[in-house]
Amino acid sequence: MSPPVISGLLSFVIPGAGQLINGLIFRALFWLIITPGFWIGSGGTLGWICHFVSAYTAYRASHMIEWVLKYEKYENL
């Protein structure tokens, strides 16, 4: 698990990297495969959209994992 901001930034630079450090391997592979295809297929336009969506989903996933772990700790007291 990493801080949400780090996950989002990593995934913006390399699509799927933020998901990978959060342990979401299949989502990471999805973004690593899909984004270059959209870059090549659309001449760059959809590639940027994929970068933003990948970064946002990495941020949200990391935030949700952090939230679940925080509240799970309180349940076990």
Protein backbone atom coordinates (compact mmCIF):
# COMPACT_ATOMS: atom_id res chain seq x y z
CA MET A 1 0.00 0.00 0.00
CA SER A 2 1.24 3.47 -0.81
CA PRO A 3 -0.07 6.97 -0.18
CA PRO A 4 -2.82 7.88 -2.65
CA VAL A 5 -0.91 10.82 -4.12
CA ILE A 6 2.15 8.67 -4.86
CA SER A 7 -0.05 6.04 -6.53
CA GLY A 8 -1.74 8.64 -8.68
CA LEU A 9 1.50 10.29 -9.77
CA LEU A 10 3.18 6.98 -10.56
CA SER A 11 0.23 5.87 -12.60
CA PHE A 12 0.17 9.17 -14.48
CA VAL A 13 3.82 8.77 -15.46
CA ILE A 14 3.57 5.05 -16.23
CA PRO A 15 -0.03 3.84 -16.59
CA GLY A 16 -0.54 0.88 -14.28
CA ALA A 17 2.39 1.59 -11.96
CA GLY A 18 0.16 3.00 -9.24
CA GLN A 19 -2.11 -0.01 -9.43
CA LEU A 20 0.91 -2.31 -9.31
CA ILE A 21 2.28 -0.87 -6.06
CA ASN A 22 -1.20 -1.22 -4.57
CA GLY A 23 -1.17 -4.93 -5.42
CA LEU A 24 -3.79 -4.72 -8.18
CA ILE A 25 -1.84 -6.72 -10.75
CA PHE A 26 -4.59 -7.35 -13.31
CA ARG A 27 -5.64 -3.70 -13.33
CA ALA A 28 -1.99 -2.71 -13.76
CA LEU A 29 -1.63 -5.04 -16.73
CA PHE A 30 -4.84 -3.68 -18.21
CA TRP A 31 -3.58 -0.09 -18.12
CA LEU A 32 -0.10 -1.07 -19.31
CA ILE A 33 -1.61 -2.75 -22.38
CA ILE A 34 -4.55 -0.45 -23.17
CA THR A 35 -2.87 2.95 -22.87
CA PRO A 36 -0.17 2.45 -25.53
CA GLY A 37 -2.85 1.09 -27.86
CA PHE A 38 -4.91 4.24 -27.43
CA TRP A 39 -1.81 6.43 -27.91
CA ILE A 40 -1.01 4.75 -31.20
CA GLY A 41 -4.57 4.23 -32.40
CA SER A 42 -5.81 7.78 -31.79
CA GLY A 43 -2.70 9.80 -32.43
CA GLY A 44 -2.36 10.73 -28.77
CA THR A 45 -5.77 12.12 -27.87
CA LEU A 46 -7.16 9.05 -26.14
CA GLY A 47 -3.74 8.28 -24.69
CA TRP A 48 -3.96 11.37 -22.48
CA ILE A 49 -7.44 10.39 -21.37
CA CYS A 50 -6.15 6.93 -20.42
CA HIS A 51 -3.31 8.51 -18.44
CA PHE A 52 -5.74 10.64 -16.44
CA VAL A 53 -8.17 7.78 -15.85
CA SER A 54 -5.35 5.44 -14.82
CA ALA A 55 -3.99 8.00 -12.37
CA TYR A 56 -7.45 8.66 -10.91
CA THR A 57 -8.25 4.97 -10.47
CA ALA A 58 -4.87 4.35 -8.80
CA TYR A 59 -5.50 7.27 -6.45
CA ARG A 60 -9.01 6.07 -5.56
CA ALA A 61 -7.91 2.46 -5.08
CA SER A 62 -5.10 3.49 -2.76
CA HIS A 63 -7.43 5.79 -0.85
CA MET A 64 -10.01 3.01 -0.42
CA ILE A 65 -7.38 0.48 0.71
CA GLU A 66 -6.08 3.01 3.23
CA TRP A 67 -9.61 3.70 4.48
CA VAL A 68 -10.48 0.00 4.85
CA LEU A 69 -7.28 -0.75 6.74
CA LYS A 70 -7.83 2.19 9.06
CA TYR A 71 -11.34 1.10 10.02
CA GLU A 72 -10.44 -2.59 10.12
CA LYS A 73 -7.90 -1.76 12.81
CA TYR A 74 -10.66 -0.29 15.01
CA GLU A 75 -12.91 -3.32 14.57
CA ASN A 76 -10.24 -5.64 15.94
CA LEU A 77 -9.86 -3.77 19.24
